[in-house]
């Protein structure tokens, strides 16, 4: 295992190489490469995340400048697998048809099943498959943007790989992380995965039509989310019945309007990797 990025040594990982030192492997314990085996009295400094995240942040700054120049609201949708993130996105795209320009970067480990669902709405979409990777990074997203027409004055949705851990640490250049929590997952998730909820600017509690059938309390989930991120805005909705959907669309309209009011001059957005 690579101690810097956590992925498996010798396995291609989109977006970065394994040039960093993996450290020695204990012959008696295969698989310890990256953790290191030190002789008594020896010392060694191990860099865990700093180099990787610094490089990612440089790419994220380039993406952010690109979004600013185009007047695009970029949103990073994050959640655990099965939260209803893609269904939410499909219904949102349908609601925005004719109202706002949109585009989607779709992240999954394998297949383009979700990208096909997105494409059926008529929205431009680029699929990113990460293989063994557990998250999207800013470099991958930057390449995806080369294949998309930027939705000027509208929204770019980046649907991240289903995971409530790794995506919390990786800035993609987005204006906001939107964390999606379904009522089928348990209202304690914000306490169990605090980094993700701390990194988010909005929490969407989805599948509210199932509330009569599951032991989930939206108010308690929101309280838990605000315990780790005071002031975090939480909205409860259903992508099936569309209950609460108007509040989500109003949030999008508000953020697009705010982006237009604060849009910098082109000279202020020139950033290079």
C-alpha atoms as a PDB file:
ATOM      1  CA  UNK A   1       0.000   0.000   0.000  1.00  0.00           C
ATOM      2  CA  UNK A   2       1.197   3.510  -0.831  1.00  0.00           C
ATOM      3  CA  UNK A   3       1.644   5.426   2.415  1.00  0.00           C
ATOM      4  CA  UNK A   4       1.190   8.788   0.686  1.00  0.00           C
ATOM      5  CA  UNK A   5      -2.086   8.171  -1.119  1.00  0.00           C
ATOM      6  CA  UNK A   6      -3.354   4.886   0.330  1.00  0.00           C
ATOM      7  CA  UNK A   7      -3.780   3.131  -2.999  1.00  0.00           C
ATOM      8  CA  UNK A   8      -2.156  -0.135  -3.954  1.00  0.00           C
ATOM      9  CA  UNK A   9       1.449   0.024  -5.130  1.00  0.00           C
ATOM     10  CA  UNK A  10       1.966  -1.125  -8.704  1.00  0.00           C
ATOM     11  CA  UNK A  11      -1.661  -0.521  -9.650  1.00  0.00           C
ATOM     12  CA  UNK A  12      -2.330   2.457 -11.979  1.00  0.00           C
ATOM     13  CA  UNK A  13      -4.235   5.223 -10.194  1.00  0.00           C
ATOM     14  CA  UNK A  14      -5.727   7.947 -12.405  1.00  0.00           C
ATOM     15  CA  UNK A  15      -4.480  11.429 -11.661  1.00  0.00           C
ATOM     16  CA  UNK A  16      -1.114  10.741 -10.063  1.00  0.00           C
ATOM     17  CA  UNK A  17       1.911   8.481 -10.118  1.00  0.00           C
ATOM     18  CA  UNK A  18       3.678   6.533  -7.395  1.00  0.00           C
ATOM     19  CA  UNK A  19       6.980   8.376  -7.664  1.00  0.00           C
ATOM     20  CA  UNK A  20       6.943   8.981  -3.922  1.00  0.00           C
ATOM     21  CA  UNK A  21       8.989   6.635  -1.747  1.00  0.00           C
ATOM     22  CA  UNK A  22       7.019   3.612  -0.614  1.00  0.00           C
ATOM     23  CA  UNK A  23       9.558   2.646   2.008  1.00  0.00           C
ATOM     24  CA  UNK A  24      11.062  -0.791   2.716  1.00  0.00           C
ATOM     25  CA  UNK A  25       9.087  -3.987   2.975  1.00  0.00           C
ATOM     26  CA  UNK A  26       9.580  -6.509   5.739  1.00  0.00           C
ATOM     27  CA  UNK A  27      10.513  -9.834   4.034  1.00  0.00           C
ATOM     28  CA  UNK A  28       8.860 -11.687   6.890  1.00  0.00           C
ATOM     29  CA  UNK A  29       5.618  -9.728   6.463  1.00  0.00           C
ATOM     30  CA  UNK A  30       4.812  -9.199   2.761  1.00  0.00           C
ATOM     31  CA  UNK A  31       2.522  -6.260   2.153  1.00  0.00           C
ATOM     32  CA  UNK A  32       4.129  -3.941   4.701  1.00  0.00           C
ATOM     33  CA  UNK A  33       5.829  -1.831   2.037  1.00  0.00           C
ATOM     34  CA  UNK A  34       5.091   1.799   2.832  1.00  0.00           C
ATOM     35  CA  UNK A  35       4.905   1.280   6.582  1.00  0.00           C
ATOM     36  CA  UNK A  36       8.600   0.556   6.891  1.00  0.00           C
ATOM     37  CA  UNK A  37      10.761  -1.623   9.086  1.00  0.00           C
ATOM     38  CA  UNK A  38      13.401   0.268  11.064  1.00  0.00           C
ATOM     39  CA  UNK A  39      16.486  -1.063  12.794  1.00  0.00           C
ATOM     40  CA  UNK A  40      16.887  -0.101  16.465  1.00  0.00           C
ATOM     41  CA  UNK A  41      18.062   3.500  16.757  1.00  0.00           C
ATOM     42  CA  UNK A  42      17.220   4.360  13.128  1.00  0.00           C
ATOM     43  CA  UNK A  43      14.819   7.169  12.243  1.00  0.00           C
ATOM     44  CA  UNK A  44      12.838   7.988   9.133  1.00  0.00           C
ATOM     45  CA  UNK A  45      10.386  10.746   8.202  1.00  0.00           C
ATOM     46  CA  UNK A  46       7.241   9.616   6.375  1.00  0.00           C
ATOM     47  CA  UNK A  47       5.121  12.079   4.353  1.00  0.00           C
ATOM     48  CA  UNK A  48       1.534  10.887   4.439  1.00  0.00           C
ATOM     49  CA  UNK A  49      -0.659  13.369   2.587  1.00  0.00           C
ATOM     50  CA  UNK A  50       0.992  16.775   2.358  1.00  0.00           C
ATOM     51  CA  UNK A  51       2.647  16.440  -1.060  1.00  0.00           C
ATOM     52  CA  UNK A  52      -0.359  14.818  -2.699  1.00  0.00           C
ATOM     53  CA  UNK A  53      -2.853  17.347  -1.358  1.00  0.00           C
ATOM     54  CA  UNK A  54      -0.625  20.317  -2.234  1.00  0.00           C
ATOM     55  CA  UNK A  55      -0.429  19.144  -5.837  1.00  0.00           C
ATOM     56  CA  UNK A  56      -4.168  18.567  -5.919  1.00  0.00           C
ATOM     57  CA  UNK A  57      -4.799  22.049  -4.522  1.00  0.00           C
ATOM     58  CA  UNK A  58      -2.796  23.591  -7.356  1.00  0.00           C
ATOM     59  CA  UNK A  59      -4.969  21.846  -9.923  1.00  0.00           C
ATOM     60  CA  UNK A  60      -8.072  22.825  -7.937  1.00  0.00           C
ATOM     61  CA  UNK A  61      -7.045  26.489  -8.114  1.00  0.00           C
ATOM     62  CA  UNK A  62      -6.805  26.223 -11.904  1.00  0.00           C
ATOM     63  CA  UNK A  63     -10.278  24.647 -12.056  1.00  0.00           C
ATOM     64  CA  UNK A  64     -11.711  27.307  -9.743  1.00  0.00           C
ATOM     65  CA  UNK A  65     -10.322  30.084 -11.924  1.00  0.00           C
ATOM     66  CA  UNK A  66     -11.818  28.396 -14.975  1.00  0.00           C
ATOM     67  CA  UNK A  67     -15.240  28.250 -13.333  1.00  0.00           C
ATOM     68  CA  UNK A  68     -14.985  31.887 -12.286  1.00  0.00           C
ATOM     69  CA  UNK A  69     -14.139  33.057 -15.803  1.00  0.00           C
ATOM     70  CA  UNK A  70     -17.184  31.227 -17.175  1.00  0.00           C
ATOM     71  CA  UNK A  71     -19.518  32.301 -14.357  1.00  0.00           C
ATOM     72  CA  UNK A  72     -20.242  28.667 -13.493  1.00  0.00           C
ATOM     73  CA  UNK A  73     -21.490  27.389 -10.147  1.00  0.00           C
ATOM     74  CA  UNK A  74     -19.527  24.153  -9.603  1.00  0.00           C
ATOM     75  CA  UNK A  75     -20.929  21.742  -7.032  1.00  0.00           C
ATOM     76  CA  UNK A  76     -19.211  18.599  -5.717  1.00  0.00           C
ATOM     77  CA  UNK A  77     -21.918  16.064  -4.796  1.00  0.00           C
ATOM     78  CA  UNK A  78     -20.637  13.597  -2.187  1.00  0.00           C
ATOM     79  CA  UNK A  79     -22.293  10.732  -0.338  1.00  0.00           C
ATOM     80  CA  UNK A  80     -22.043   7.073   0.549  1.00  0.00           C
ATOM     81  CA  UNK A  81     -23.072   4.536  -2.137  1.00  0.00           C
ATOM     82  CA  UNK A  82     -26.840   4.143  -2.519  1.00  0.00           C
ATOM     83  CA  UNK A  83     -27.849   7.508  -1.079  1.00  0.00           C
ATOM     84  CA  UNK A  84     -29.854   8.404  -4.173  1.00  0.00           C
ATOM     85  CA  UNK A  85     -27.300  10.904  -5.446  1.00  0.00           C
ATOM     86  CA  UNK A  86     -27.771  10.058  -9.137  1.00  0.00           C
ATOM     87  CA  UNK A  87     -31.572  10.050  -8.904  1.00  0.00           C
ATOM     88  CA  UNK A  88     -31.412  13.428  -7.175  1.00  0.00           C
ATOM     89  CA  UNK A  89     -29.170  14.697  -9.966  1.00  0.00           C
ATOM     90  CA  UNK A  90     -31.430  13.361 -12.736  1.00  0.00           C
ATOM     91  CA  UNK A  91     -34.508  15.020 -11.232  1.00  0.00           C
ATOM     92  CA  UNK A  92     -32.590  18.248 -10.669  1.00  0.00           C
ATOM     93  CA  UNK A  93     -31.425  18.338 -14.278  1.00  0.00           C
ATOM     94  CA  UNK A  94     -34.981  17.796 -15.483  1.00  0.00           C
ATOM     95  CA  UNK A  95     -36.213  20.634 -13.257  1.00  0.00           C
ATOM     96  CA  UNK A  96     -33.502  22.967 -14.594  1.00  0.00           C
ATOM     97  CA  UNK A  97     -34.188  22.195 -18.266  1.00  0.00           C
ATOM     98  CA  UNK A  98     -34.957  25.440 -20.037  1.00  0.00           C
ATOM     99  CA  UNK A  99     -34.094  27.446 -16.916  1.00  0.00           C
ATOM    100  CA  UNK A 100     -30.357  27.073 -16.474  1.00  0.00           C
ATOM    101  CA  UNK A 101     -27.480  25.679 -18.564  1.00  0.00           C
ATOM    102  CA  UNK A 102     -26.039  22.566 -16.924  1.00  0.00           C
ATOM    103  CA  UNK A 103     -23.251  20.028 -17.359  1.00  0.00           C
ATOM    104  CA  UNK A 104     -22.134  16.988 -15.374  1.00  0.00           C
ATOM    105  CA  UNK A 105     -18.868  15.248 -14.524  1.00  0.00           C
ATOM    106  CA  UNK A 106     -19.790  11.748 -13.405  1.00  0.00           C
ATOM    107  CA  UNK A 107     -17.393   9.786 -11.176  1.00  0.00           C
ATOM    108  CA  UNK A 108     -17.541   6.027 -10.591  1.00  0.00           C
ATOM    109  CA  UNK A 109     -15.034   3.258 -10.076  1.00  0.00           C
ATOM    110  CA  UNK A 110     -16.434   1.310 -13.040  1.00  0.00           C
ATOM    111  CA  UNK A 111     -19.110   1.486 -15.787  1.00  0.00           C
ATOM    112  CA  UNK A 112     -20.890   4.457 -17.310  1.00  0.00           C
ATOM    113  CA  UNK A 113     -24.349   3.398 -16.088  1.00  0.00           C
ATOM    114  CA  UNK A 114     -24.927   6.646 -14.201  1.00  0.00           C
ATOM    115  CA  UNK A 115     -23.547   8.736 -17.067  1.00  0.00           C
ATOM    116  CA  UNK A 116     -26.078   7.092 -19.374  1.00  0.00           C
ATOM    117  CA  UNK A 117     -28.879   8.064 -16.986  1.00  0.00           C
ATOM    118  CA  UNK A 118     -27.581  11.641 -16.982  1.00  0.00           C
ATOM    119  CA  UNK A 119     -27.249  11.728 -20.782  1.00  0.00           C
ATOM    120  CA  UNK A 120     -30.894  10.639 -21.129  1.00  0.00           C
ATOM    121  CA  UNK A 121     -31.919  13.998 -19.614  1.00  0.00           C
ATOM    122  CA  UNK A 122     -30.129  15.815 -22.440  1.00  0.00           C
ATOM    123  CA  UNK A 123     -27.445  17.228 -20.161  1.00  0.00           C
ATOM    124  CA  UNK A 124     -23.812  17.166 -21.377  1.00  0.00           C
ATOM    125  CA  UNK A 125     -21.872  14.615 -19.320  1.00  0.00           C
ATOM    126  CA  UNK A 126     -18.339  13.226 -19.100  1.00  0.00           C
ATOM    127  CA  UNK A 127     -17.700   9.920 -17.329  1.00  0.00           C
ATOM    128  CA  UNK A 128     -14.619   9.476 -15.144  1.00  0.00           C
ATOM    129  CA  UNK A 129     -13.794   5.926 -14.006  1.00  0.00           C
ATOM    130  CA  UNK A 130     -11.309   5.772 -11.145  1.00  0.00           C
ATOM    131  CA  UNK A 131     -10.671   2.010 -11.082  1.00  0.00           C
ATOM    132  CA  UNK A 132      -9.330   1.285  -7.601  1.00  0.00           C
ATOM    133  CA  UNK A 133      -9.420   4.991  -6.736  1.00  0.00           C
ATOM    134  CA  UNK A 134     -11.942   5.967  -4.066  1.00  0.00           C
ATOM    135  CA  UNK A 135     -12.447   9.599  -5.075  1.00  0.00           C
ATOM    136  CA  UNK A 136     -12.111  12.135  -7.872  1.00  0.00           C
ATOM    137  CA  UNK A 137      -9.205  14.559  -7.817  1.00  0.00           C
ATOM    138  CA  UNK A 138      -8.782  18.020  -9.306  1.00  0.00           C
ATOM    139  CA  UNK A 139      -6.457  16.847 -12.078  1.00  0.00           C
ATOM    140  CA  UNK A 140      -9.042  14.342 -13.356  1.00  0.00           C
ATOM    141  CA  UNK A 141     -11.781  16.957 -13.257  1.00  0.00           C
ATOM    142  CA  UNK A 142      -9.596  19.418 -15.145  1.00  0.00           C
ATOM    143  CA  UNK A 143      -9.171  16.906 -17.979  1.00  0.00           C
ATOM    144  CA  UNK A 144     -12.915  16.235 -18.020  1.00  0.00           C
ATOM    145  CA  UNK A 145     -13.589  19.952 -18.471  1.00  0.00           C
ATOM    146  CA  UNK A 146     -11.673  19.836 -21.756  1.00  0.00           C
ATOM    147  CA  UNK A 147     -14.488  17.652 -23.125  1.00  0.00           C
ATOM    148  CA  UNK A 148     -17.361  19.791 -21.852  1.00  0.00           C
ATOM    149  CA  UNK A 149     -18.906  23.063 -22.930  1.00  0.00           C
ATOM    150  CA  UNK A 150     -18.910  25.126 -19.758  1.00  0.00           C
ATOM    151  CA  UNK A 151     -22.499  25.988 -18.708  1.00  0.00           C
ATOM    152  CA  UNK A 152     -21.944  29.749 -18.418  1.00  0.00           C
ATOM    153  CA  UNK A 153     -24.364  31.277 -15.946  1.00  0.00           C
ATOM    154  CA  UNK A 154     -25.461  27.802 -14.879  1.00  0.00           C
ATOM    155  CA  UNK A 155     -24.354  24.791 -12.863  1.00  0.00           C
ATOM    156  CA  UNK A 156     -21.646  22.159 -13.252  1.00  0.00           C
ATOM    157  CA  UNK A 157     -22.499  19.146 -11.103  1.00  0.00           C
ATOM    158  CA  UNK A 158     -19.584  16.879 -10.176  1.00  0.00           C
ATOM    159  CA  UNK A 159     -20.938  13.581  -8.890  1.00  0.00           C
ATOM    160  CA  UNK A 160     -18.114  12.101  -6.839  1.00  0.00           C
ATOM    161  CA  UNK A 161     -17.442   8.421  -6.165  1.00  0.00           C
ATOM    162  CA  UNK A 162     -19.713   7.065  -3.416  1.00  0.00           C
ATOM    163  CA  UNK A 163     -17.570   7.413  -0.287  1.00  0.00           C
ATOM    164  CA  UNK A 164     -17.950   9.467   2.890  1.00  0.00           C
ATOM    165  CA  UNK A 165     -14.219   9.480   3.701  1.00  0.00           C
ATOM    166  CA  UNK A 166     -11.661  10.274   0.962  1.00  0.00           C
ATOM    167  CA  UNK A 167     -13.591  12.917  -1.053  1.00  0.00           C
ATOM    168  CA  UNK A 168     -13.694  15.143   2.036  1.00  0.00           C
ATOM    169  CA  UNK A 169      -9.963  15.887   1.678  1.00  0.00           C
ATOM    170  CA  UNK A 170      -9.829  16.626  -2.052  1.00  0.00           C
ATOM    171  CA  UNK A 171     -10.734  20.077  -3.336  1.00  0.00           C
ATOM    172  CA  UNK A 172     -11.895  19.886  -6.959  1.00  0.00           C
ATOM    173  CA  UNK A 173     -12.194  23.632  -7.422  1.00  0.00           C
ATOM    174  CA  UNK A 174     -15.892  23.571  -6.562  1.00  0.00           C
ATOM    175  CA  UNK A 175     -17.809  26.416  -4.992  1.00  0.00           C
ATOM    176  CA  UNK A 176     -19.499  24.039  -2.540  1.00  0.00           C
ATOM    177  CA  UNK A 177     -19.486  20.437  -1.425  1.00  0.00           C
ATOM    178  CA  UNK A 178     -23.046  19.157  -1.094  1.00  0.00           C
ATOM    179  CA  UNK A 179     -23.282  16.063   1.104  1.00  0.00           C
ATOM    180  CA  UNK A 180     -26.218  13.748   0.457  1.00  0.00           C
ATOM    181  CA  UNK A 181     -27.555  11.599   3.309  1.00  0.00           C
ATOM    182  CA  UNK A 182     -30.489   9.249   2.755  1.00  0.00           C
ATOM    183  CA  UNK A 183     -32.993   8.300   5.427  1.00  0.00           C
ATOM    184  CA  UNK A 184     -32.092   4.625   4.888  1.00  0.00           C
ATOM    185  CA  UNK A 185     -28.547   5.159   6.197  1.00  0.00           C
ATOM    186  CA  UNK A 186     -29.145   6.194   9.798  1.00  0.00           C
ATOM    187  CA  UNK A 187     -29.253   9.645  11.358  1.00  0.00           C
ATOM    188  CA  UNK A 188     -25.924   9.124  13.150  1.00  0.00           C
ATOM    189  CA  UNK A 189     -23.822   9.317   9.963  1.00  0.00           C
ATOM    190  CA  UNK A 190     -22.665  12.932  10.546  1.00  0.00           C
ATOM    191  CA  UNK A 191     -21.104  11.875  13.846  1.00  0.00           C
ATOM    192  CA  UNK A 192     -19.427   8.814  12.315  1.00  0.00           C
ATOM    193  CA  UNK A 193     -18.048  10.685   9.287  1.00  0.00           C
ATOM    194  CA  UNK A 194     -17.483  14.209  10.657  1.00  0.00           C
ATOM    195  CA  UNK A 195     -14.836  15.308   8.134  1.00  0.00           C
ATOM    196  CA  UNK A 196     -17.263  15.052   5.241  1.00  0.00           C
ATOM    197  CA  UNK A 197     -20.014  17.008   6.967  1.00  0.00           C
ATOM    198  CA  UNK A 198     -17.480  19.553   8.197  1.00  0.00           C
ATOM    199  CA  UNK A 199     -16.284  20.076   4.612  1.00  0.00           C
ATOM    200  CA  UNK A 200     -19.806  20.473   3.192  1.00  0.00           C
ATOM    201  CA  UNK A 201     -21.771  23.687   2.772  1.00  0.00           C
ATOM    202  CA  UNK A 202     -25.144  21.980   2.356  1.00  0.00           C
ATOM    203  CA  UNK A 203     -26.610  18.696   3.599  1.00  0.00           C
ATOM    204  CA  UNK A 204     -29.442  17.154   1.594  1.00  0.00           C
ATOM    205  CA  UNK A 205     -31.442  14.518   3.458  1.00  0.00           C
ATOM    206  CA  UNK A 206     -32.953  12.409   0.687  1.00  0.00           C
ATOM    207  CA  UNK A 207     -35.606   9.685   0.257  1.00  0.00           C
ATOM    208  CA  UNK A 208     -37.970  11.460   2.671  1.00  0.00           C
ATOM    209  CA  UNK A 209     -40.857   9.486   1.145  1.00  0.00           C
ATOM    210  CA  UNK A 210     -39.461   6.460   3.028  1.00  0.00           C
ATOM    211  CA  UNK A 211     -39.617   8.120   6.467  1.00  0.00           C
ATOM    212  CA  UNK A 212     -42.762   6.204   7.534  1.00  0.00           C
ATOM    213  CA  UNK A 213     -40.853   2.948   7.074  1.00  0.00           C
ATOM    214  CA  UNK A 214     -37.433   3.636   8.630  1.00  0.00           C
ATOM    215  CA  UNK A 215     -36.259   4.708  12.113  1.00  0.00           C
ATOM    216  CA  UNK A 216     -34.724   7.981  10.919  1.00  0.00           C
ATOM    217  CA  UNK A 217     -35.258  11.404  12.472  1.00  0.00           C
ATOM    218  CA  UNK A 218     -34.367  14.262  10.049  1.00  0.00           C
ATOM    219  CA  UNK A 219     -34.208  16.792  12.895  1.00  0.00           C
ATOM    220  CA  UNK A 220     -31.772  14.603  14.842  1.00  0.00           C
ATOM    221  CA  UNK A 221     -29.658  14.056  11.703  1.00  0.00           C
ATOM    222  CA  UNK A 222     -29.531  17.832  11.153  1.00  0.00           C
ATOM    223  CA  UNK A 223     -28.570  18.366  14.808  1.00  0.00           C
ATOM    224  CA  UNK A 224     -25.749  15.827  14.465  1.00  0.00           C
ATOM    225  CA  UNK A 225     -24.547  17.514  11.274  1.00  0.00           C
ATOM    226  CA  UNK A 226     -24.526  20.914  12.970  1.00  0.00           C
ATOM    227  CA  UNK A 227     -22.707  19.460  15.962  1.00  0.00           C
ATOM    228  CA  UNK A 228     -19.687  18.871  13.692  1.00  0.00           C
ATOM    229  CA  UNK A 229     -20.369  21.883  11.431  1.00  0.00           C
ATOM    230  CA  UNK A 230     -22.251  24.666  13.251  1.00  0.00           C
ATOM    231  CA  UNK A 231     -24.628  26.534  10.970  1.00  0.00           C
ATOM    232  CA  UNK A 232     -24.643  23.863   8.245  1.00  0.00           C
ATOM    233  CA  UNK A 233     -27.786  24.240   6.142  1.00  0.00           C
ATOM    234  CA  UNK A 234     -29.853  21.041   5.919  1.00  0.00           C
ATOM    235  CA  UNK A 235     -32.761  20.375   3.552  1.00  0.00           C
ATOM    236  CA  UNK A 236     -35.024  17.319   3.555  1.00  0.00           C
ATOM    237  CA  UNK A 237     -36.476  16.192   0.238  1.00  0.00           C
ATOM    238  CA  UNK A 238     -37.615  13.320  -1.937  1.00  0.00           C
ATOM    239  CA  UNK A 239     -36.483  12.845  -5.526  1.00  0.00           C
ATOM    240  CA  UNK A 240     -39.473  10.532  -6.047  1.00  0.00           C
ATOM    241  CA  UNK A 241     -42.366  12.604  -4.684  1.00  0.00           C
ATOM    242  CA  UNK A 242     -40.509  15.932  -5.086  1.00  0.00           C
ATOM    243  CA  UNK A 243     -41.515  16.955  -1.565  1.00  0.00           C
ATOM    244  CA  UNK A 244     -39.028  19.597  -0.452  1.00  0.00           C
ATOM    245  CA  UNK A 245     -37.537  19.865  -3.933  1.00  0.00           C
ATOM    246  CA  UNK A 246     -38.493  23.519  -4.312  1.00  0.00           C
ATOM    247  CA  UNK A 247     -36.196  24.464  -1.439  1.00  0.00           C
ATOM    248  CA  UNK A 248     -33.260  22.720  -3.154  1.00  0.00           C
ATOM    249  CA  UNK A 249     -33.949  24.513  -6.451  1.00  0.00           C
ATOM    250  CA  UNK A 250     -34.270  27.816  -4.579  1.00  0.00           C
ATOM    251  CA  UNK A 251     -30.866  27.168  -2.973  1.00  0.00           C
ATOM    252  CA  UNK A 252     -29.361  26.655  -6.442  1.00  0.00           C
ATOM    253  CA  UNK A 253     -30.939  29.884  -7.735  1.00  0.00           C
ATOM    254  CA  UNK A 254     -29.615  31.761  -4.719  1.00  0.00           C
ATOM    255  CA  UNK A 255     -26.071  30.464  -5.154  1.00  0.00           C
ATOM    256  CA  UNK A 256     -26.045  31.204  -8.891  1.00  0.00           C
ATOM    257  CA  UNK A 257     -27.222  34.748  -8.177  1.00  0.00           C
ATOM    258  CA  UNK A 258     -24.551  35.179  -5.489  1.00  0.00           C
ATOM    259  CA  UNK A 259     -21.897  33.902  -7.896  1.00  0.00           C
ATOM    260  CA  UNK A 260     -22.943  36.486 -10.477  1.00  0.00           C
ATOM    261  CA  UNK A 261     -22.718  39.308  -7.951  1.00  0.00           C
ATOM    262  CA  UNK A 262     -19.219  38.293  -6.858  1.00  0.00           C
ATOM    263  CA  UNK A 263     -17.811  37.296 -10.257  1.00  0.00           C
ATOM    264  CA  UNK A 264     -14.219  38.569 -10.497  1.00  0.00           C
ATOM    265  CA  UNK A 265     -12.677  40.266 -13.480  1.00  0.00           C
ATOM    266  CA  UNK A 266     -10.892  37.987 -15.999  1.00  0.00           C
ATOM    267  CA  UNK A 267      -7.508  39.350 -14.912  1.00  0.00           C
ATOM    268  CA  UNK A 268      -8.192  38.297 -11.331  1.00  0.00           C
ATOM    269  CA  UNK A 269      -8.817  34.674 -12.303  1.00  0.00           C
ATOM    270  CA  UNK A 270      -5.563  33.877 -14.084  1.00  0.00           C
ATOM    271  CA  UNK A 271      -4.081  30.921 -12.206  1.00  0.00           C
ATOM    272  CA  UNK A 272      -1.568  28.402 -13.497  1.00  0.00           C
ATOM    273  CA  UNK A 273      -0.658  24.983 -12.168  1.00  0.00           C
END
